[in-house]
Amino acid sequence: MKYIFLTLLSFILLNCEDKQSDKKTNASNIETTKIIKKDTIPKNQAISEVETEDPFRLTDENVMEFFLQYEKENKENKVRITTSFGNIEFLLFSETKFHRANFIYLTKQNYFEGTQFYRVINNFIIQAGNSDNPEVSKKRNKIGRYLLPTDTKRGFKHDRGVISMPSGEIDNPYKLASPFEFFIVQQKGGAHHLDGDYTIFGKVIKGMDVVDKIATQKTDVADWPLSNIYITKVEIIN
């Protein structure tokens, strides 16, 4: 009888210890779960937010505000363009601040590398900043799609050697400027019939002999050079 009683008592005690052990295990699992949720979910959320955030792109809606601030913080005004015919150096005008800032911004984005002088008319202009290479279109999409307003009342004329910005290739009655492209007036005596329609934002300070060489290249009926003339590098200089 005594032996039965002791056996029964041991069974009860062991059963109670198992229940206590289960409670501790469950409590430990719950606490671990809380720690995991606390430590990892915010980090995962942060990563997810970064991954899904849209990259910044310029648009017609934000471009003027962007360049208003950008031109205050980026005062560079000289660039060197490298081509297979030699180098051309530009001085960009502070008076046309949005167009100067736009060119500096595109230079820092390495946009112009791989673009071409795609429209060449001897004794008139050479025009650059575009290409039939799909990579150039990808660059544009990454930077954004936007136009710039004309700024034609600064007293500049389309003299030989000035740099101007063509209008966009869309329904564009106000001749809003296509920001990715530019042309250099090569015509002796200038091309003053363009005055008032296109924004002059700089001038050639070195390399007009290179401009003249490019202007004499043979072209097709669309004024595209028969041998591609690439811009291999654009860099800011002092």
C-alpha atoms as a PDB file:
ATOM      1  CA  MET A   1       0.000   0.000   0.000  1.00  0.00           C
ATOM      2  CA  LYS A   2       2.821   2.349   0.923  1.00  0.00           C
ATOM      3  CA  TYR A   3       4.593   1.465  -2.338  1.00  0.00           C
ATOM      4  CA  ILE A   4       1.472   2.249  -4.400  1.00  0.00           C
ATOM      5  CA  PHE A   5       1.056   5.603  -2.624  1.00  0.00           C
ATOM      6  CA  LEU A   6       4.689   6.626  -3.299  1.00  0.00           C
ATOM      7  CA  THR A   7       4.414   5.618  -6.947  1.00  0.00           C
ATOM      8  CA  LEU A   8       1.222   7.644  -7.342  1.00  0.00           C
ATOM      9  CA  LEU A   9       2.824  10.670  -5.682  1.00  0.00           C
ATOM     10  CA  SER A  10       5.873  10.496  -7.954  1.00  0.00           C
ATOM     11  CA  PHE A  11       3.653  10.356 -11.023  1.00  0.00           C
ATOM     12  CA  ILE A  12       1.718  13.458  -9.896  1.00  0.00           C
ATOM     13  CA  LEU A  13       4.939  15.408  -9.191  1.00  0.00           C
ATOM     14  CA  LEU A  14       6.479  14.438 -12.526  1.00  0.00           C
ATOM     15  CA  ASN A  15       3.334  15.406 -14.362  1.00  0.00           C
ATOM     16  CA  CYS A  16       3.325  18.827 -12.684  1.00  0.00           C
ATOM     17  CA  GLU A  17       6.990  19.396 -13.610  1.00  0.00           C
ATOM     18  CA  ASP A  18       6.228  18.530 -17.246  1.00  0.00           C
ATOM     19  CA  LYS A  19       3.437  21.071 -17.308  1.00  0.00           C
ATOM     20  CA  GLN A  20       5.719  23.712 -15.801  1.00  0.00           C
ATOM     21  CA  SER A  21       8.358  22.836 -18.361  1.00  0.00           C
ATOM     22  CA  ASP A  22       5.826  23.177 -21.178  1.00  0.00           C
ATOM     23  CA  LYS A  23       4.801  26.569 -19.871  1.00  0.00           C
ATOM     24  CA  LYS A  24       8.429  27.734 -19.791  1.00  0.00           C
ATOM     25  CA  THR A  25       9.016  26.408 -23.308  1.00  0.00           C
ATOM     26  CA  ASN A  26       5.901  28.081 -24.635  1.00  0.00           C
ATOM     27  CA  ALA A  27       6.776  31.312 -22.878  1.00  0.00           C
ATOM     28  CA  SER A  28      10.272  31.150 -24.339  1.00  0.00           C
ATOM     29  CA  ASN A  29       8.881  30.620 -27.838  1.00  0.00           C
ATOM     30  CA  ILE A  30       6.502  33.545 -27.442  1.00  0.00           C
ATOM     31  CA  GLU A  31       9.285  35.800 -26.217  1.00  0.00           C
ATOM     32  CA  THR A  32      11.523  34.719 -29.079  1.00  0.00           C
ATOM     33  CA  THR A  33       8.719  35.465 -31.498  1.00  0.00           C
ATOM     34  CA  LYS A  34       8.327  38.924 -30.024  1.00  0.00           C
ATOM     35  CA  ILE A  35      12.054  39.604 -30.404  1.00  0.00           C
ATOM     36  CA  ILE A  36      12.051  38.451 -34.012  1.00  0.00           C
ATOM     37  CA  LYS A  37       9.128  40.689 -34.842  1.00  0.00           C
ATOM     38  CA  LYS A  38      10.671  43.628 -33.036  1.00  0.00           C
ATOM     39  CA  ASP A  39      14.126  43.330 -34.567  1.00  0.00           C
ATOM     40  CA  THR A  40      13.513  42.246 -38.134  1.00  0.00           C
ATOM     41  CA  ILE A  41      10.221  43.587 -39.426  1.00  0.00           C
ATOM     42  CA  PRO A  42      11.149  47.278 -39.355  1.00  0.00           C
ATOM     43  CA  LYS A  43      14.388  46.482 -41.183  1.00  0.00           C
ATOM     44  CA  ASN A  44      12.524  44.480 -43.793  1.00  0.00           C
ATOM     45  CA  GLN A  45      10.050  47.284 -44.202  1.00  0.00           C
ATOM     46  CA  ALA A  46      12.845  49.800 -44.657  1.00  0.00           C
ATOM     47  CA  ILE A  47      14.508  47.675 -47.318  1.00  0.00           C
ATOM     48  CA  SER A  48      11.206  47.180 -49.074  1.00  0.00           C
ATOM     49  CA  GLU A  49      10.542  50.918 -49.083  1.00  0.00           C
ATOM     50  CA  VAL A  50      13.950  51.643 -50.603  1.00  0.00           C
ATOM     51  CA  GLU A  51      13.508  48.975 -53.259  1.00  0.00           C
ATOM     52  CA  THR A  52      10.071  50.153 -54.320  1.00  0.00           C
ATOM     53  CA  GLU A  53      10.758  53.891 -54.213  1.00  0.00           C
ATOM     54  CA  ASP A  54      10.655  55.458 -57.677  1.00  0.00           C
ATOM     55  CA  PRO A  55      13.946  57.071 -58.790  1.00  0.00           C
ATOM     56  CA  PHE A  56      13.972  60.839 -59.301  1.00  0.00           C
ATOM     57  CA  ARG A  57      13.217  61.979 -62.838  1.00  0.00           C
ATOM     58  CA  LEU A  58      12.812  65.432 -64.292  1.00  0.00           C
ATOM     59  CA  THR A  59       9.383  66.308 -65.662  1.00  0.00           C
ATOM     60  CA  ASP A  60       7.678  69.397 -67.052  1.00  0.00           C
ATOM     61  CA  GLU A  61       6.118  69.820 -63.609  1.00  0.00           C
ATOM     62  CA  ASN A  62       9.286  69.790 -61.483  1.00  0.00           C
ATOM     63  CA  VAL A  63      12.044  70.929 -63.862  1.00  0.00           C
ATOM     64  CA  MET A  64      11.947  74.681 -63.231  1.00  0.00           C
ATOM     65  CA  GLU A  65      11.945  74.332 -59.457  1.00  0.00           C
ATOM     66  CA  PHE A  66      14.766  71.790 -59.684  1.00  0.00           C
ATOM     67  CA  PHE A  67      17.027  73.946 -61.858  1.00  0.00           C
ATOM     68  CA  LEU A  68      16.237  77.069 -59.856  1.00  0.00           C
ATOM     69  CA  GLN A  69      17.955  75.407 -56.910  1.00  0.00           C
ATOM     70  CA  TYR A  70      20.524  73.501 -58.965  1.00  0.00           C
ATOM     71  CA  GLU A  71      21.943  76.593 -60.660  1.00  0.00           C
ATOM     72  CA  LYS A  72      22.574  78.213 -57.280  1.00  0.00           C
ATOM     73  CA  GLU A  73      24.653  75.253 -56.114  1.00  0.00           C
ATOM     74  CA  ASN A  74      26.415  74.419 -59.400  1.00  0.00           C
ATOM     75  CA  LYS A  75      28.106  77.506 -60.808  1.00  0.00           C
ATOM     76  CA  GLU A  76      30.383  75.810 -63.356  1.00  0.00           C
ATOM     77  CA  ASN A  77      30.286  77.493 -66.757  1.00  0.00           C
ATOM     78  CA  LYS A  78      33.026  75.953 -68.924  1.00  0.00           C
ATOM     79  CA  VAL A  79      33.048  72.548 -70.597  1.00  0.00           C
ATOM     80  CA  ARG A  80      35.239  70.679 -73.048  1.00  0.00           C
ATOM     81  CA  ILE A  81      33.720  68.423 -75.709  1.00  0.00           C
ATOM     82  CA  THR A  82      35.944  65.695 -77.115  1.00  0.00           C
ATOM     83  CA  THR A  83      35.346  64.367 -80.631  1.00  0.00           C
ATOM     84  CA  SER A  84      37.391  62.383 -83.136  1.00  0.00           C
ATOM     85  CA  PHE A  85      38.066  65.687 -84.927  1.00  0.00           C
ATOM     86  CA  GLY A  86      39.417  67.391 -81.827  1.00  0.00           C
ATOM     87  CA  ASN A  87      38.177  69.338 -78.817  1.00  0.00           C
ATOM     88  CA  ILE A  88      35.666  72.175 -78.576  1.00  0.00           C
ATOM     89  CA  GLU A  89      35.418  74.343 -75.459  1.00  0.00           C
ATOM     90  CA  PHE A  90      32.275  76.180 -74.398  1.00  0.00           C
ATOM     91  CA  LEU A  91      31.599  79.145 -72.158  1.00  0.00           C
ATOM     92  CA  LEU A  92      28.034  78.889 -70.825  1.00  0.00           C
ATOM     93  CA  PHE A  93      26.204  82.140 -70.108  1.00  0.00           C
ATOM     94  CA  SER A  94      25.025  82.890 -66.569  1.00  0.00           C
ATOM     95  CA  GLU A  95      22.247  85.082 -67.998  1.00  0.00           C
ATOM     96  CA  THR A  96      20.424  82.006 -69.323  1.00  0.00           C
ATOM     97  CA  LYS A  97      20.693  80.254 -65.979  1.00  0.00           C
ATOM     98  CA  PHE A  98      18.235  77.399 -66.521  1.00  0.00           C
ATOM     99  CA  HIS A  99      19.833  76.365 -69.805  1.00  0.00           C
ATOM    100  CA  ARG A 100      23.351  76.654 -68.379  1.00  0.00           C
ATOM    101  CA  ALA A 101      22.334  74.592 -65.337  1.00  0.00           C
ATOM    102  CA  ASN A 102      20.667  72.023 -67.593  1.00  0.00           C
ATOM    103  CA  PHE A 103      23.841  71.547 -69.646  1.00  0.00           C
ATOM    104  CA  ILE A 104      25.980  71.219 -66.507  1.00  0.00           C
ATOM    105  CA  TYR A 105      23.517  68.733 -65.033  1.00  0.00           C
ATOM    106  CA  LEU A 106      23.529  66.569 -68.168  1.00  0.00           C
ATOM    107  CA  THR A 107      27.324  66.746 -68.256  1.00  0.00           C
ATOM    108  CA  LYS A 108      27.534  65.479 -64.671  1.00  0.00           C
ATOM    109  CA  GLN A 109      25.066  62.721 -65.562  1.00  0.00           C
ATOM    110  CA  ASN A 110      27.409  61.659 -68.412  1.00  0.00           C
ATOM    111  CA  TYR A 111      24.541  62.019 -70.829  1.00  0.00           C
ATOM    112  CA  PHE A 112      26.478  63.331 -73.819  1.00  0.00           C
ATOM    113  CA  GLU A 113      29.010  60.507 -74.029  1.00  0.00           C
ATOM    114  CA  GLY A 114      28.046  58.391 -77.031  1.00  0.00           C
ATOM    115  CA  THR A 115      25.748  60.984 -78.582  1.00  0.00           C
ATOM    116  CA  GLN A 116      26.498  62.342 -82.045  1.00  0.00           C
ATOM    117  CA  PHE A 117      26.652  65.381 -84.254  1.00  0.00           C
ATOM    118  CA  TYR A 118      23.629  64.132 -86.129  1.00  0.00           C
ATOM    119  CA  ARG A 119      22.708  67.204 -88.193  1.00  0.00           C
ATOM    120  CA  VAL A 120      25.457  68.919 -90.145  1.00  0.00           C
ATOM    121  CA  ILE A 121      24.844  71.741 -92.638  1.00  0.00           C
ATOM    122  CA  ASN A 122      27.980  73.411 -93.927  1.00  0.00           C
ATOM    123  CA  ASN A 123      28.012  77.197 -93.551  1.00  0.00           C
ATOM    124  CA  PHE A 124      24.998  77.038 -91.239  1.00  0.00           C
ATOM    125  CA  ILE A 125      25.031  74.854 -88.088  1.00  0.00           C
ATOM    126  CA  ILE A 126      26.215  71.591 -86.592  1.00  0.00           C
ATOM    127  CA  GLN A 127      23.756  69.993 -84.167  1.00  0.00           C
ATOM    128  CA  ALA A 128      24.488  67.374 -81.488  1.00  0.00           C
ATOM    129  CA  GLY A 129      23.156  65.512 -78.460  1.00  0.00           C
ATOM    130  CA  ASN A 130      21.161  62.722 -80.077  1.00  0.00           C
ATOM    131  CA  SER A 131      21.813  59.319 -81.619  1.00  0.00           C
ATOM    132  CA  ASP A 132      20.084  56.324 -83.172  1.00  0.00           C
ATOM    133  CA  ASN A 133      21.675  54.168 -80.474  1.00  0.00           C
ATOM    134  CA  PRO A 134      18.973  52.797 -78.100  1.00  0.00           C
ATOM    135  CA  GLU A 135      21.305  53.405 -75.150  1.00  0.00           C
ATOM    136  CA  VAL A 136      20.872  57.159 -75.598  1.00  0.00           C
ATOM    137  CA  SER A 137      17.110  56.774 -75.358  1.00  0.00           C
ATOM    138  CA  LYS A 138      17.596  54.790 -72.146  1.00  0.00           C
ATOM    139  CA  LYS A 139      19.702  57.616 -70.736  1.00  0.00           C
ATOM    140  CA  ARG A 140      16.944  60.092 -71.511  1.00  0.00           C
ATOM    141  CA  ASN A 141      14.323  57.944 -69.860  1.00  0.00           C
ATOM    142  CA  LYS A 142      16.482  57.667 -66.758  1.00  0.00           C
ATOM    143  CA  ILE A 143      17.020  61.435 -66.524  1.00  0.00           C
ATOM    144  CA  GLY A 144      13.440  62.350 -67.409  1.00  0.00           C
ATOM    145  CA  ARG A 145      11.267  63.787 -70.137  1.00  0.00           C
ATOM    146  CA  TYR A 146      10.935  67.551 -70.069  1.00  0.00           C
ATOM    147  CA  LEU A 147      11.263  70.766 -72.079  1.00  0.00           C
ATOM    148  CA  LEU A 148      12.716  74.128 -71.140  1.00  0.00           C
ATOM    149  CA  PRO A 149      11.114  77.501 -71.900  1.00  0.00           C
ATOM    150  CA  THR A 150      12.819  79.785 -74.399  1.00  0.00           C
ATOM    151  CA  ASP A 151      14.907  82.648 -72.999  1.00  0.00           C
ATOM    152  CA  THR A 152      15.545  84.920 -75.942  1.00  0.00           C
ATOM    153  CA  LYS A 153      15.608  88.446 -74.480  1.00  0.00           C
ATOM    154  CA  ARG A 154      19.139  88.564 -73.089  1.00  0.00           C
ATOM    155  CA  GLY A 155      20.601  90.506 -75.989  1.00  0.00           C
ATOM    156  CA  PHE A 156      22.431  87.548 -77.555  1.00  0.00           C
ATOM    157  CA  LYS A 157      22.444  87.041 -81.315  1.00  0.00           C
ATOM    158  CA  HIS A 158      23.043  83.928 -83.384  1.00  0.00           C
ATOM    159  CA  ASP A 159      26.551  84.997 -84.299  1.00  0.00           C
ATOM    160  CA  ARG A 160      29.129  82.534 -85.557  1.00  0.00           C
ATOM    161  CA  GLY A 161      30.282  80.301 -82.695  1.00  0.00           C
ATOM    162  CA  VAL A 162      27.281  80.685 -80.383  1.00  0.00           C
ATOM    163  CA  ILE A 163      25.571  77.653 -78.826  1.00  0.00           C
ATOM    164  CA  SER A 164      21.811  77.486 -78.953  1.00  0.00           C
ATOM    165  CA  MET A 165      19.116  75.013 -78.004  1.00  0.00           C
ATOM    166  CA  PRO A 166      16.690  73.636 -80.629  1.00  0.00           C
ATOM    167  CA  SER A 167      12.990  73.267 -79.975  1.00  0.00           C
ATOM    168  CA  GLY A 168      11.452  69.924 -79.079  1.00  0.00           C
ATOM    169  CA  GLU A 169      10.239  67.554 -81.786  1.00  0.00           C
ATOM    170  CA  ILE A 170       6.626  67.579 -80.627  1.00  0.00           C
ATOM    171  CA  ASP A 171       3.584  69.775 -81.201  1.00  0.00           C
ATOM    172  CA  ASN A 172       5.360  72.784 -79.803  1.00  0.00           C
ATOM    173  CA  PRO A 173       3.964  76.166 -80.886  1.00  0.00           C
ATOM    174  CA  TYR A 174       6.015  78.022 -78.256  1.00  0.00           C
ATOM    175  CA  LYS A 175       9.303  76.453 -79.441  1.00  0.00           C
ATOM    176  CA  LEU A 176      10.079  75.051 -75.995  1.00  0.00           C
ATOM    177  CA  ALA A 177      13.684  73.896 -75.937  1.00  0.00           C
ATOM    178  CA  SER A 178      14.757  70.271 -76.238  1.00  0.00           C
ATOM    179  CA  PRO A 179      17.170  70.035 -73.280  1.00  0.00           C
ATOM    180  CA  PHE A 180      19.266  67.115 -74.548  1.00  0.00           C
ATOM    181  CA  GLU A 181      20.393  68.768 -77.781  1.00  0.00           C
ATOM    182  CA  PHE A 182      22.326  71.830 -78.870  1.00  0.00           C
ATOM    183  CA  PHE A 183      23.611  73.420 -82.047  1.00  0.00           C
ATOM    184  CA  ILE A 184      26.628  75.558 -82.851  1.00  0.00           C
ATOM    185  CA  VAL A 185      26.306  78.315 -85.437  1.00  0.00           C
ATOM    186  CA  GLN A 186      29.081  77.738 -87.981  1.00  0.00           C
ATOM    187  CA  GLN A 187      27.853  80.198 -90.601  1.00  0.00           C
ATOM    188  CA  LYS A 188      30.180  83.094 -91.377  1.00  0.00           C
ATOM    189  CA  GLY A 189      28.407  86.292 -90.430  1.00  0.00           C
ATOM    190  CA  GLY A 190      26.013  84.370 -88.191  1.00  0.00           C
ATOM    191  CA  ALA A 191      22.489  83.026 -88.657  1.00  0.00           C
ATOM    192  CA  HIS A 192      20.447  85.939 -87.374  1.00  0.00           C
ATOM    193  CA  HIS A 193      17.181  84.725 -88.866  1.00  0.00           C
ATOM    194  CA  LEU A 194      17.140  82.358 -85.846  1.00  0.00           C
ATOM    195  CA  ASP A 195      17.190  85.222 -83.346  1.00  0.00           C
ATOM    196  CA  GLY A 196      14.165  85.342 -81.082  1.00  0.00           C
ATOM    197  CA  ASP A 197      13.165  81.722 -81.695  1.00  0.00           C
ATOM    198  CA  TYR A 198      15.897  79.720 -79.958  1.00  0.00           C
ATOM    199  CA  THR A 199      17.747  80.184 -76.698  1.00  0.00           C
ATOM    200  CA  ILE A 200      21.429  81.097 -76.954  1.00  0.00           C
ATOM    201  CA  PHE A 201      23.141  79.833 -73.807  1.00  0.00           C
ATOM    202  CA  GLY A 202      26.862  79.856 -74.612  1.00  0.00           C
ATOM    203  CA  LYS A 203      29.632  80.303 -77.136  1.00  0.00           C
ATOM    204  CA  VAL A 204      32.697  78.478 -78.422  1.00  0.00           C
ATOM    205  CA  ILE A 205      35.867  79.867 -76.836  1.00  0.00           C
ATOM    206  CA  LYS A 206      38.242  77.324 -78.356  1.00  0.00           C
ATOM    207  CA  GLY A 207      37.968  74.865 -81.231  1.00  0.00           C
ATOM    208  CA  MET A 208      36.074  76.669 -84.002  1.00  0.00           C
ATOM    209  CA  ASP A 209      38.492  74.986 -86.404  1.00  0.00           C
ATOM    210  CA  VAL A 210      37.050  71.663 -85.180  1.00  0.00           C
ATOM    211  CA  VAL A 211      33.521  72.979 -85.746  1.00  0.00           C
ATOM    212  CA  ASP A 212      34.504  73.883 -89.310  1.00  0.00           C
ATOM    213  CA  LYS A 213      35.967  70.411 -89.915  1.00  0.00           C
ATOM    214  CA  ILE A 214      32.770  68.749 -88.718  1.00  0.00           C
ATOM    215  CA  ALA A 215      30.666  71.062 -90.872  1.00  0.00           C
ATOM    216  CA  THR A 216      32.421  69.949 -94.064  1.00  0.00           C
ATOM    217  CA  GLN A 217      31.651  66.242 -93.601  1.00  0.00           C
ATOM    218  CA  LYS A 218      29.482  64.586 -96.233  1.00  0.00           C
ATOM    219  CA  THR A 219      25.889  63.904 -95.232  1.00  0.00           C
ATOM    220  CA  ASP A 220      22.793  62.124 -96.467  1.00  0.00           C
ATOM    221  CA  VAL A 221      19.611  63.890 -97.608  1.00  0.00           C
ATOM    222  CA  ALA A 222      18.565  64.288 -93.953  1.00  0.00           C
ATOM    223  CA  ASP A 223      21.842  66.106 -93.113  1.00  0.00           C
ATOM    224  CA  TRP A 224      23.085  63.123 -91.074  1.00  0.00           C
ATOM    225  CA  PRO A 225      26.846  62.586 -91.578  1.00  0.00           C
ATOM    226  CA  LEU A 226      27.645  59.505 -93.649  1.00  0.00           C
ATOM    227  CA  SER A 227      30.370  58.676 -91.115  1.00  0.00           C
ATOM    228  CA  ASN A 228      29.142  58.966 -87.543  1.00  0.00           C
ATOM    229  CA  ILE A 229      30.682  61.789 -85.530  1.00  0.00           C
ATOM    230  CA  TYR A 230      30.571  60.821 -81.867  1.00  0.00           C
ATOM    231  CA  ILE A 231      31.008  62.872 -78.746  1.00  0.00           C
ATOM    232  CA  THR A 232      33.315  60.690 -76.708  1.00  0.00           C
ATOM    233  CA  LYS A 233      33.528  62.883 -73.617  1.00  0.00           C
ATOM    234  CA  VAL A 234      32.170  66.090 -72.093  1.00  0.00           C
ATOM    235  CA  GLU A 235      33.912  67.431 -69.006  1.00  0.00           C
ATOM    236  CA  ILE A 236      33.772  70.525 -66.834  1.00  0.00           C
ATOM    237  CA  ILE A 237      36.916  72.658 -66.958  1.00  0.00           C
ATOM    238  CA  ASN A 238      38.163  75.730 -65.101  1.00  0.00           C
END
